[in-house]
């Protein structure tokens, strides 16, 4: 199991724990990668829950419904880990103990 991205035939980019099986691809705790336009022809990338009202956190796709697999950029992987609580989140601010 590893944090990976898949692109589906419907055009969605999903990030999550991907397990490739013989006929199917499972993805656990998936998020949809969303590109959001900002000012002056810039864009930002965000994550949204995939099927947020579903009871399950594991989804299976037939292999023919997955166009490609790819490794997420480090920033995207870190954001996914932060949102889902799956990885170690390293604080960027210096922490000092006060006596």
PDB file of N, CA and C in Angstrom:
ATOM      1  N   UNK A   1       0.835  -1.177   0.000  1.00  0.00           N
ATOM      2  CA  UNK A   1       0.000   0.000   0.000  1.00  0.00           C
ATOM      3  C   UNK A   1       0.884   1.246   0.000  1.00  0.00           C
ATOM      4  N   UNK A   2       0.517   2.189  -0.855  1.00  0.00           N
ATOM      5  CA  UNK A   2       1.277   3.427  -0.876  1.00  0.00           C
ATOM      6  C   UNK A   2       0.349   4.561  -1.299  1.00  0.00           C
ATOM      7  N   UNK A   3       0.743   5.767  -0.940  1.00  0.00           N
ATOM      8  CA  UNK A   3      -0.020   6.942  -1.349  1.00  0.00           C
ATOM      9  C   UNK A   3       0.329   7.211  -2.806  1.00  0.00           C
ATOM     10  N   UNK A   4      -0.675   7.108  -3.664  1.00  0.00           N
ATOM     11  CA  UNK A   4      -0.493   7.311  -5.094  1.00  0.00           C
ATOM     12  C   UNK A   4      -1.688   8.063  -5.641  1.00  0.00           C
ATOM     13  N   UNK A   5      -1.578   8.449  -6.903  1.00  0.00           N
ATOM     14  CA  UNK A   5      -2.678   9.092  -7.598  1.00  0.00           C
ATOM     15  C   UNK A   5      -3.119   8.208  -8.753  1.00  0.00           C
ATOM     16  N   UNK A   6      -4.420   8.280  -9.046  1.00  0.00           N
ATOM     17  CA  UNK A   6      -4.943   7.627 -10.236  1.00  0.00           C
ATOM     18  C   UNK A   6      -5.782   8.647 -11.000  1.00  0.00           C
ATOM     19  N   UNK A   7      -5.829   8.475 -12.299  1.00  0.00           N
ATOM     20  CA  UNK A   7      -6.701   9.285 -13.152  1.00  0.00           C
ATOM     21  C   UNK A   7      -7.737   8.326 -13.717  1.00  0.00           C
ATOM     22  N   UNK A   8      -9.016   8.647 -13.516  1.00  0.00           N
ATOM     23  CA  UNK A   8     -10.089   7.767 -13.963  1.00  0.00           C
ATOM     24  C   UNK A   8     -10.557   8.159 -15.363  1.00  0.00           C
ATOM     25  N   UNK A   9     -11.333   7.271 -15.983  1.00  0.00           N
ATOM     26  CA  UNK A   9     -11.856   7.564 -17.323  1.00  0.00           C
ATOM     27  C   UNK A   9     -12.808   8.753 -17.306  1.00  0.00           C
ATOM     28  N   UNK A  10     -13.349   9.104 -16.156  1.00  0.00           N
ATOM     29  CA  UNK A  10     -14.227  10.268 -16.048  1.00  0.00           C
ATOM     30  C   UNK A  10     -13.447  11.563 -15.864  1.00  0.00           C
ATOM     31  N   UNK A  11     -12.104  11.470 -15.811  1.00  0.00           N
ATOM     32  CA  UNK A  11     -11.263  12.653 -15.725  1.00  0.00           C
ATOM     33  C   UNK A  11     -10.875  13.070 -14.324  1.00  0.00           C
ATOM     34  N   UNK A  12     -11.323  12.342 -13.315  1.00  0.00           N
ATOM     35  CA  UNK A  12     -10.980  12.704 -11.941  1.00  0.00           C
ATOM     36  C   UNK A  12      -9.569  12.247 -11.600  1.00  0.00           C
ATOM     37  N   UNK A  13      -8.855  13.091 -10.874  1.00  0.00           N
ATOM     38  CA  UNK A  13      -7.579  12.707 -10.289  1.00  0.00           C
ATOM     39  C   UNK A  13      -7.844  12.429  -8.819  1.00  0.00           C
ATOM     40  N   UNK A  14      -7.520  11.226  -8.375  1.00  0.00           N
ATOM     41  CA  UNK A  14      -7.728  10.832  -6.983  1.00  0.00           C
ATOM     42  C   UNK A  14      -6.395  10.525  -6.337  1.00  0.00           C
ATOM     43  N   UNK A  15      -6.267  10.869  -5.066  1.00  0.00           N
ATOM     44  CA  UNK A  15      -5.091  10.526  -4.288  1.00  0.00           C
ATOM     45  C   UNK A  15      -5.564   9.716  -3.087  1.00  0.00           C
ATOM     46  N   UNK A  16      -4.804   8.697  -2.742  1.00  0.00           N
ATOM     47  CA  UNK A  16      -5.138   7.856  -1.596  1.00  0.00           C
ATOM     48  C   UNK A  16      -4.207   6.663  -1.535  1.00  0.00           C
ATOM     49  N   UNK A  17      -4.538   5.737  -0.648  1.00  0.00           N
ATOM     50  CA  UNK A  17      -3.763   4.500  -0.537  1.00  0.00           C
ATOM     51  C   UNK A  17      -4.257   3.561  -1.629  1.00  0.00           C
ATOM     52  N   UNK A  18      -3.408   3.289  -2.609  1.00  0.00           N
ATOM     53  CA  UNK A  18      -3.793   2.517  -3.791  1.00  0.00           C
ATOM     54  C   UNK A  18      -3.267   1.093  -3.676  1.00  0.00           C
ATOM     55  N   UNK A  19      -4.171   0.149  -3.940  1.00  0.00           N
ATOM     56  CA  UNK A  19      -3.822  -1.276  -3.976  1.00  0.00           C
ATOM     57  C   UNK A  19      -4.250  -1.795  -5.346  1.00  0.00           C
ATOM     58  N   UNK A  20      -3.304  -2.314  -6.116  1.00  0.00           N
ATOM     59  CA  UNK A  20      -3.602  -2.848  -7.438  1.00  0.00           C
ATOM     60  C   UNK A  20      -3.774  -4.357  -7.303  1.00  0.00           C
ATOM     61  N   UNK A  21      -4.936  -4.826  -7.740  1.00  0.00           N
ATOM     62  CA  UNK A  21      -5.220  -6.253  -7.737  1.00  0.00           C
ATOM     63  C   UNK A  21      -5.323  -6.738  -9.173  1.00  0.00           C
ATOM     64  N   UNK A  22      -5.608  -8.005  -9.354  1.00  0.00           N
ATOM     65  CA  UNK A  22      -5.624  -8.598 -10.689  1.00  0.00           C
ATOM     66  C   UNK A  22      -6.581  -7.887 -11.644  1.00  0.00           C
ATOM     67  N   UNK A  23      -7.834  -7.680 -11.238  1.00  0.00           N
ATOM     68  CA  UNK A  23      -8.838  -7.084 -12.105  1.00  0.00           C
ATOM     69  C   UNK A  23      -9.282  -5.695 -11.656  1.00  0.00           C
ATOM     70  N   UNK A  24      -8.927  -5.333 -10.425  1.00  0.00           N
ATOM     71  CA  UNK A  24      -9.437  -4.089  -9.857  1.00  0.00           C
ATOM     72  C   UNK A  24      -8.331  -3.272  -9.200  1.00  0.00           C
ATOM     73  N   UNK A  25      -8.658  -2.010  -8.974  1.00  0.00           N
ATOM     74  CA  UNK A  25      -7.786  -1.098  -8.245  1.00  0.00           C
ATOM     75  C   UNK A  25      -8.587  -0.586  -7.061  1.00  0.00           C
ATOM     76  N   UNK A  26      -8.067  -0.783  -5.865  1.00  0.00           N
ATOM     77  CA  UNK A  26      -8.711  -0.273  -4.661  1.00  0.00           C
ATOM     78  C   UNK A  26      -8.026   1.018  -4.251  1.00  0.00           C
ATOM     79  N   UNK A  27      -8.818   1.954  -3.752  1.00  0.00           N
ATOM     80  CA  UNK A  27      -8.249   3.182  -3.203  1.00  0.00           C
ATOM     81  C   UNK A  27      -8.940   3.447  -1.871  1.00  0.00           C
ATOM     82  N   UNK A  28      -8.124   3.634  -0.850  1.00  0.00           N
ATOM     83  CA  UNK A  28      -8.618   3.816   0.516  1.00  0.00           C
ATOM     84  C   UNK A  28      -8.455   5.276   0.908  1.00  0.00           C
ATOM     85  N   UNK A  29      -9.487   5.836   1.526  1.00  0.00           N
ATOM     86  CA  UNK A  29      -9.512   7.249   1.945  1.00  0.00           C
ATOM     87  C   UNK A  29      -9.148   8.191   0.804  1.00  0.00           C
ATOM     88  N   UNK A  30      -9.815   8.067  -0.339  1.00  0.00           N
ATOM     89  CA  UNK A  30      -9.442   8.924  -1.473  1.00  0.00           C
ATOM     90  C   UNK A  30      -9.919  10.359  -1.323  1.00  0.00           C
ATOM     91  N   UNK A  31      -9.154  11.246  -1.927  1.00  0.00           N
ATOM     92  CA  UNK A  31      -9.525  12.651  -2.080  1.00  0.00           C
ATOM     93  C   UNK A  31      -9.422  12.983  -3.561  1.00  0.00           C
ATOM     94  N   UNK A  32     -10.271  13.889  -4.009  1.00  0.00           N
ATOM     95  CA  UNK A  32     -10.228  14.372  -5.385  1.00  0.00           C
ATOM     96  C   UNK A  32      -9.277  15.563  -5.425  1.00  0.00           C
ATOM     97  N   UNK A  33      -8.369  15.561  -6.386  1.00  0.00           N
ATOM     98  CA  UNK A  33      -7.465  16.690  -6.579  1.00  0.00           C
ATOM     99  C   UNK A  33      -8.226  17.722  -7.404  1.00  0.00           C
ATOM    100  N   UNK A  34      -8.387  18.922  -6.841  1.00  0.00           N
ATOM    101  CA  UNK A  34      -9.184  19.974  -7.465  1.00  0.00           C
ATOM    102  C   UNK A  34      -8.273  21.144  -7.813  1.00  0.00           C
ATOM    103  N   UNK A  35      -8.354  21.585  -9.057  1.00  0.00           N
ATOM    104  CA  UNK A  35      -7.601  22.761  -9.493  1.00  0.00           C
ATOM    105  C   UNK A  35      -8.558  23.951  -9.433  1.00  0.00           C
ATOM    106  N   UNK A  36      -8.144  24.974  -8.689  1.00  0.00           N
ATOM    107  CA  UNK A  36      -8.982  26.152  -8.469  1.00  0.00           C
ATOM    108  C   UNK A  36      -8.287  27.372  -9.059  1.00  0.00           C
ATOM    109  N   UNK A  37      -8.956  28.079  -9.980  1.00  0.00           N
ATOM    110  CA  UNK A  37      -8.327  29.282 -10.527  1.00  0.00           C
ATOM    111  C   UNK A  37      -8.262  30.395  -9.480  1.00  0.00           C
ATOM    112  N   UNK A  38      -7.163  31.117  -9.515  1.00  0.00           N
ATOM    113  CA  UNK A  38      -7.002  32.284  -8.647  1.00  0.00           C
ATOM    114  C   UNK A  38      -6.849  33.500  -9.544  1.00  0.00           C
ATOM    115  N   UNK A  39      -6.393  34.583  -9.007  1.00  0.00           N
ATOM    116  CA  UNK A  39      -6.283  35.816  -9.797  1.00  0.00           C
ATOM    117  C   UNK A  39      -5.145  35.757 -10.815  1.00  0.00           C
ATOM    118  N   UNK A  40      -5.275  36.521 -11.857  1.00  0.00           N
ATOM    119  CA  UNK A  40      -4.250  36.739 -12.876  1.00  0.00           C
ATOM    120  C   UNK A  40      -3.718  35.454 -13.502  1.00  0.00           C
ATOM    121  N   UNK A  41      -4.608  34.618 -13.966  1.00  0.00           N
ATOM    122  CA  UNK A  41      -4.255  33.383 -14.679  1.00  0.00           C
ATOM    123  C   UNK A  41      -3.404  32.423 -13.854  1.00  0.00           C
ATOM    124  N   UNK A  42      -3.521  32.485 -12.562  1.00  0.00           N
ATOM    125  CA  UNK A  42      -2.833  31.550 -11.684  1.00  0.00           C
ATOM    126  C   UNK A  42      -3.828  30.466 -11.272  1.00  0.00           C
ATOM    127  N   UNK A  43      -3.319  29.420 -10.658  1.00  0.00           N
ATOM    128  CA  UNK A  43      -4.192  28.389 -10.136  1.00  0.00           C
ATOM    129  C   UNK A  43      -3.631  27.838  -8.840  1.00  0.00           C
ATOM    130  N   UNK A  44      -4.510  27.208  -8.104  1.00  0.00           N
ATOM    131  CA  UNK A  44      -4.148  26.581  -6.841  1.00  0.00           C
ATOM    132  C   UNK A  44      -4.696  25.160  -6.864  1.00  0.00           C
ATOM    133  N   UNK A  45      -4.094  24.286  -6.108  1.00  0.00           N
ATOM    134  CA  UNK A  45      -4.542  22.899  -6.045  1.00  0.00           C
ATOM    135  C   UNK A  45      -5.062  22.628  -4.645  1.00  0.00           C
ATOM    136  N   UNK A  46      -6.207  21.970  -4.575  1.00  0.00           N
ATOM    137  CA  UNK A  46      -6.796  21.618  -3.290  1.00  0.00           C
ATOM    138  C   UNK A  46      -7.267  20.176  -3.307  1.00  0.00           C
ATOM    139  N   UNK A  47      -7.663  19.688  -2.154  1.00  0.00           N
ATOM    140  CA  UNK A  47      -8.176  18.329  -2.031  1.00  0.00           C
ATOM    141  C   UNK A  47      -9.587  18.375  -1.475  1.00  0.00           C
ATOM    142  N   UNK A  48     -10.454  17.546  -2.030  1.00  0.00           N
ATOM    143  CA  UNK A  48     -11.830  17.437  -1.561  1.00  0.00           C
ATOM    144  C   UNK A  48     -12.137  15.958  -1.342  1.00  0.00           C
ATOM    145  N   UNK A  49     -13.004  15.634  -0.393  1.00  0.00           N
ATOM    146  CA  UNK A  49     -13.341  14.226  -0.173  1.00  0.00           C
ATOM    147  C   UNK A  49     -14.016  13.630  -1.412  1.00  0.00           C
ATOM    148  N   UNK A  50     -13.692  12.391  -1.701  1.00  0.00           N
ATOM    149  CA  UNK A  50     -14.330  11.651  -2.786  1.00  0.00           C
ATOM    150  C   UNK A  50     -15.563  10.967  -2.206  1.00  0.00           C
ATOM    151  N   UNK A  51     -16.708  11.207  -2.804  1.00  0.00           N
ATOM    152  CA  UNK A  51     -17.989  10.657  -2.342  1.00  0.00           C
ATOM    153  C   UNK A  51     -18.155  10.841  -0.831  1.00  0.00           C
ATOM    154  N   UNK A  52     -18.258  12.088  -0.371  1.00  0.00           N
ATOM    155  CA  UNK A  52     -18.259  12.371   1.067  1.00  0.00           C
ATOM    156  C   UNK A  52     -19.426  11.769   1.841  1.00  0.00           C
ATOM    157  N   UNK A  53     -20.515  11.406   1.160  1.00  0.00           N
ATOM    158  CA  UNK A  53     -21.667  10.861   1.872  1.00  0.00           C
ATOM    159  C   UNK A  53     -21.715   9.341   1.842  1.00  0.00           C
ATOM    160  N   UNK A  54     -20.679   8.715   1.283  1.00  0.00           N
ATOM    161  CA  UNK A  54     -20.620   7.252   1.249  1.00  0.00           C
ATOM    162  C   UNK A  54     -20.260   6.717   2.631  1.00  0.00           C
ATOM    163  N   UNK A  55     -20.747   5.543   2.919  1.00  0.00           N
ATOM    164  CA  UNK A  55     -20.486   4.902   4.207  1.00  0.00           C
ATOM    165  C   UNK A  55     -19.090   4.272   4.226  1.00  0.00           C
ATOM    166  N   UNK A  56     -18.564   3.948   3.073  1.00  0.00           N
ATOM    167  CA  UNK A  56     -17.279   3.256   2.966  1.00  0.00           C
ATOM    168  C   UNK A  56     -16.139   4.243   2.775  1.00  0.00           C
ATOM    169  N   UNK A  57     -14.953   3.834   3.171  1.00  0.00           N
ATOM    170  CA  UNK A  57     -13.740   4.635   2.931  1.00  0.00           C
ATOM    171  C   UNK A  57     -12.844   3.943   1.907  1.00  0.00           C
ATOM    172  N   UNK A  58     -13.315   2.797   1.398  1.00  0.00           N
ATOM    173  CA  UNK A  58     -12.558   2.030   0.409  1.00  0.00           C
ATOM    174  C   UNK A  58     -13.421   1.874  -0.840  1.00  0.00           C
ATOM    175  N   UNK A  59     -12.845   2.212  -2.002  1.00  0.00           N
ATOM    176  CA  UNK A  59     -13.576   2.144  -3.257  1.00  0.00           C
ATOM    177  C   UNK A  59     -12.773   1.310  -4.245  1.00  0.00           C
ATOM    178  N   UNK A  60     -13.479   0.551  -5.061  1.00  0.00           N
ATOM    179  CA  UNK A  60     -12.854  -0.304  -6.065  1.00  0.00           C
ATOM    180  C   UNK A  60     -13.239   0.154  -7.453  1.00  0.00           C
ATOM    181  N   UNK A  61     -12.251   0.201  -8.332  1.00  0.00           N
ATOM    182  CA  UNK A  61     -12.456   0.526  -9.732  1.00  0.00           C
ATOM    183  C   UNK A  61     -11.979  -0.664 -10.560  1.00  0.00           C
ATOM    184  N   UNK A  62     -12.669  -0.946 -11.642  1.00  0.00           N
ATOM    185  CA  UNK A  62     -12.152  -1.940 -12.576  1.00  0.00           C
ATOM    186  C   UNK A  62     -10.917  -1.322 -13.245  1.00  0.00           C
ATOM    187  N   UNK A  63      -9.943  -2.151 -13.539  1.00  0.00           N
ATOM    188  CA  UNK A  63      -8.693  -1.639 -14.105  1.00  0.00           C
ATOM    189  C   UNK A  63      -8.911  -0.838 -15.386  1.00  0.00           C
ATOM    190  N   UNK A  64      -9.901  -1.228 -16.191  1.00  0.00           N
ATOM    191  CA  UNK A  64     -10.122  -0.509 -17.447  1.00  0.00           C
ATOM    192  C   UNK A  64     -10.715   0.882 -17.225  1.00  0.00           C
ATOM    193  N   UNK A  65     -11.130   1.193 -15.999  1.00  0.00           N
ATOM    194  CA  UNK A  65     -11.653   2.526 -15.686  1.00  0.00           C
ATOM    195  C   UNK A  65     -10.590   3.455 -15.105  1.00  0.00           C
ATOM    196  N   UNK A  66      -9.375   2.943 -15.007  1.00  0.00           N
ATOM    197  CA  UNK A  66      -8.240   3.747 -14.544  1.00  0.00           C
ATOM    198  C   UNK A  66      -7.320   3.973 -15.738  1.00  0.00           C
ATOM    199  N   UNK A  67      -7.142   5.240 -16.097  1.00  0.00           N
ATOM    200  CA  UNK A  67      -6.314   5.575 -17.260  1.00  0.00           C
ATOM    201  C   UNK A  67      -4.833   5.494 -16.922  1.00  0.00           C
ATOM    202  N   UNK A  68      -4.465   6.018 -15.731  1.00  0.00           N
ATOM    203  CA  UNK A  68      -3.043   6.026 -15.371  1.00  0.00           C
ATOM    204  C   UNK A  68      -2.862   6.077 -13.865  1.00  0.00           C
ATOM    205  N   UNK A  69      -1.675   5.699 -13.456  1.00  0.00           N
ATOM    206  CA  UNK A  69      -1.213   5.807 -12.073  1.00  0.00           C
ATOM    207  C   UNK A  69      -0.040   6.776 -12.085  1.00  0.00           C
ATOM    208  N   UNK A  70       0.085   7.583 -11.037  1.00  0.00           N
ATOM    209  CA  UNK A  70       1.270   8.435 -10.946  1.00  0.00           C
ATOM    210  C   UNK A  70       1.556   8.781  -9.492  1.00  0.00           C
ATOM    211  N   UNK A  71       2.818   9.090  -9.238  1.00  0.00           N
ATOM    212  CA  UNK A  71       3.237   9.488  -7.896  1.00  0.00           C
ATOM    213  C   UNK A  71       2.922  10.967  -7.705  1.00  0.00           C
ATOM    214  N   UNK A  72       2.306  11.319  -6.586  1.00  0.00           N
ATOM    215  CA  UNK A  72       1.992  12.721  -6.350  1.00  0.00           C
ATOM    216  C   UNK A  72       3.249  13.529  -6.037  1.00  0.00           C
ATOM    217  N   UNK A  73       3.198  14.812  -6.334  1.00  0.00           N
ATOM    218  CA  UNK A  73       4.276  15.722  -5.943  1.00  0.00           C
ATOM    219  C   UNK A  73       4.357  15.730  -4.420  1.00  0.00           C
ATOM    220  N   UNK A  74       5.521  16.021  -3.886  1.00  0.00           N
ATOM    221  CA  UNK A  74       5.722  15.990  -2.430  1.00  0.00           C
ATOM    222  C   UNK A  74       4.733  16.881  -1.690  1.00  0.00           C
ATOM    223  N   UNK A  75       4.490  18.071  -2.211  1.00  0.00           N
ATOM    224  CA  UNK A  75       3.556  18.986  -1.559  1.00  0.00           C
ATOM    225  C   UNK A  75       2.147  18.417  -1.496  1.00  0.00           C
ATOM    226  N   UNK A  76       1.714  17.761  -2.563  1.00  0.00           N
ATOM    227  CA  UNK A  76       0.383  17.152  -2.595  1.00  0.00           C
ATOM    228  C   UNK A  76       0.302  15.983  -1.618  1.00  0.00           C
ATOM    229  N   UNK A  77       1.345  15.153  -1.595  1.00  0.00           N
ATOM    230  CA  UNK A  77       1.384  14.021  -0.655  1.00  0.00           C
ATOM    231  C   UNK A  77       1.364  14.526   0.792  1.00  0.00           C
ATOM    232  N   UNK A  78       2.128  15.567   1.082  1.00  0.00           N
ATOM    233  CA  UNK A  78       2.149  16.110   2.444  1.00  0.00           C
ATOM    234  C   UNK A  78       0.787  16.676   2.843  1.00  0.00           C
ATOM    235  N   UNK A  79       0.122  17.348   1.916  1.00  0.00           N
ATOM    236  CA  UNK A  79      -1.203  17.897   2.208  1.00  0.00           C
ATOM    237  C   UNK A  79      -2.215  16.778   2.447  1.00  0.00           C
ATOM    238  N   UNK A  80      -2.140  15.724   1.645  1.00  0.00           N
ATOM    239  CA  UNK A  80      -3.024  14.568   1.844  1.00  0.00           C
ATOM    240  C   UNK A  80      -2.777  13.951   3.228  1.00  0.00           C
ATOM    241  N   UNK A  81      -1.511  13.766   3.574  1.00  0.00           N
ATOM    242  CA  UNK A  81      -1.182  13.199   4.889  1.00  0.00           C
ATOM    243  C   UNK A  81      -1.665  14.100   6.020  1.00  0.00           C
ATOM    244  N   UNK A  82      -1.566  15.406   5.839  1.00  0.00           N
ATOM    245  CA  UNK A  82      -2.025  16.337   6.864  1.00  0.00           C
ATOM    246  C   UNK A  82      -3.538  16.257   7.040  1.00  0.00           C
ATOM    247  N   UNK A  83      -4.250  16.255   5.928  1.00  0.00           N
ATOM    248  CA  UNK A  83      -5.716  16.239   5.975  1.00  0.00           C
ATOM    249  C   UNK A  83      -6.241  14.936   6.563  1.00  0.00           C
ATOM    250  N   UNK A  84      -5.657  13.820   6.157  1.00  0.00           N
ATOM    251  CA  UNK A  84      -6.169  12.516   6.592  1.00  0.00           C
ATOM    252  C   UNK A  84      -5.540  12.035   7.886  1.00  0.00           C
ATOM    253  N   UNK A  85      -4.470  12.690   8.337  1.00  0.00           N
ATOM    254  CA  UNK A  85      -3.802  12.247   9.557  1.00  0.00           C
ATOM    255  C   UNK A  85      -2.991  10.978   9.368  1.00  0.00           C
ATOM    256  N   UNK A  86      -2.628  10.666   8.129  1.00  0.00           N
ATOM    257  CA  UNK A  86      -1.922   9.420   7.843  1.00  0.00           C
ATOM    258  C   UNK A  86      -0.404   9.532   7.958  1.00  0.00           C
ATOM    259  N   UNK A  87       0.121  10.733   7.999  1.00  0.00           N
ATOM    260  CA  UNK A  87       1.568  10.880   8.040  1.00  0.00           C
ATOM    261  C   UNK A  87       1.989  11.803   9.152  1.00  0.00           C
ATOM    262  N   UNK A  88       3.262  11.914   9.302  1.00  0.00           N
ATOM    263  CA  UNK A  88       3.808  12.822  10.300  1.00  0.00           C
ATOM    264  C   UNK A  88       3.797  14.222   9.710  1.00  0.00           C
ATOM    265  N   UNK A  89       3.179  15.131  10.414  1.00  0.00           N
ATOM    266  CA  UNK A  89       3.142  16.527   9.976  1.00  0.00           C
ATOM    267  C   UNK A  89       4.203  17.273  10.765  1.00  0.00           C
ATOM    268  N   UNK A  90       5.185  17.784  10.062  1.00  0.00           N
ATOM    269  CA  UNK A  90       6.286  18.490  10.701  1.00  0.00           C
ATOM    270  C   UNK A  90       5.928  19.966  10.775  1.00  0.00           C
ATOM    271  N   UNK A  91       5.895  20.542  11.972  1.00  0.00           N
ATOM    272  CA  UNK A  91       5.556  21.962  12.071  1.00  0.00           C
ATOM    273  C   UNK A  91       6.627  22.822  11.411  1.00  0.00           C
ATOM    274  N   UNK A  92       6.183  23.908  10.792  1.00  0.00           N
ATOM    275  CA  UNK A  92       7.131  24.794  10.131  1.00  0.00           C
ATOM    276  C   UNK A  92       7.620  25.902  11.050  1.00  0.00           C
ATOM    277  N   UNK A  93       6.918  26.147  12.153  1.00  0.00           N
ATOM    278  CA  UNK A  93       7.317  27.174  13.106  1.00  0.00           C
ATOM    279  C   UNK A  93       8.226  26.569  14.171  1.00  0.00           C
ATOM    280  N   UNK A  94       9.144  27.360  14.644  1.00  0.00           N
ATOM    281  CA  UNK A  94      10.030  26.912  15.707  1.00  0.00           C
ATOM    282  C   UNK A  94       9.237  26.885  17.023  1.00  0.00           C
ATOM    283  N   UNK A  95       9.346  25.782  17.744  1.00  0.00           N
ATOM    284  CA  UNK A  95       8.638  25.630  18.999  1.00  0.00           C
ATOM    285  C   UNK A  95       9.651  25.769  20.138  1.00  0.00           C
ATOM    286  N   UNK A  96       9.347  26.641  21.076  1.00  0.00           N
ATOM    287  CA  UNK A  96      10.227  26.850  22.219  1.00  0.00           C
ATOM    288  C   UNK A  96       9.466  26.545  23.504  1.00  0.00           C
ATOM    289  N   UNK A  97      10.149  25.948  24.433  1.00  0.00           N
ATOM    290  CA  UNK A  97       9.577  25.678  25.739  1.00  0.00           C
ATOM    291  C   UNK A  97       9.719  26.915  26.621  1.00  0.00           C
ATOM    292  N   UNK A  98       8.672  27.275  27.302  1.00  0.00           N
ATOM    293  CA  UNK A  98       8.685  28.434  28.177  1.00  0.00           C
ATOM    294  C   UNK A  98       8.699  27.945  29.608  1.00  0.00           C
ATOM    295  N   UNK A  99       9.630  28.484  30.414  1.00  0.00           N
ATOM    296  CA  UNK A  99       9.717  28.068  31.815  1.00  0.00           C
ATOM    297  C   UNK A  99       8.895  28.957  32.691  1.00  0.00           C
TER     298      UNK A  99
END
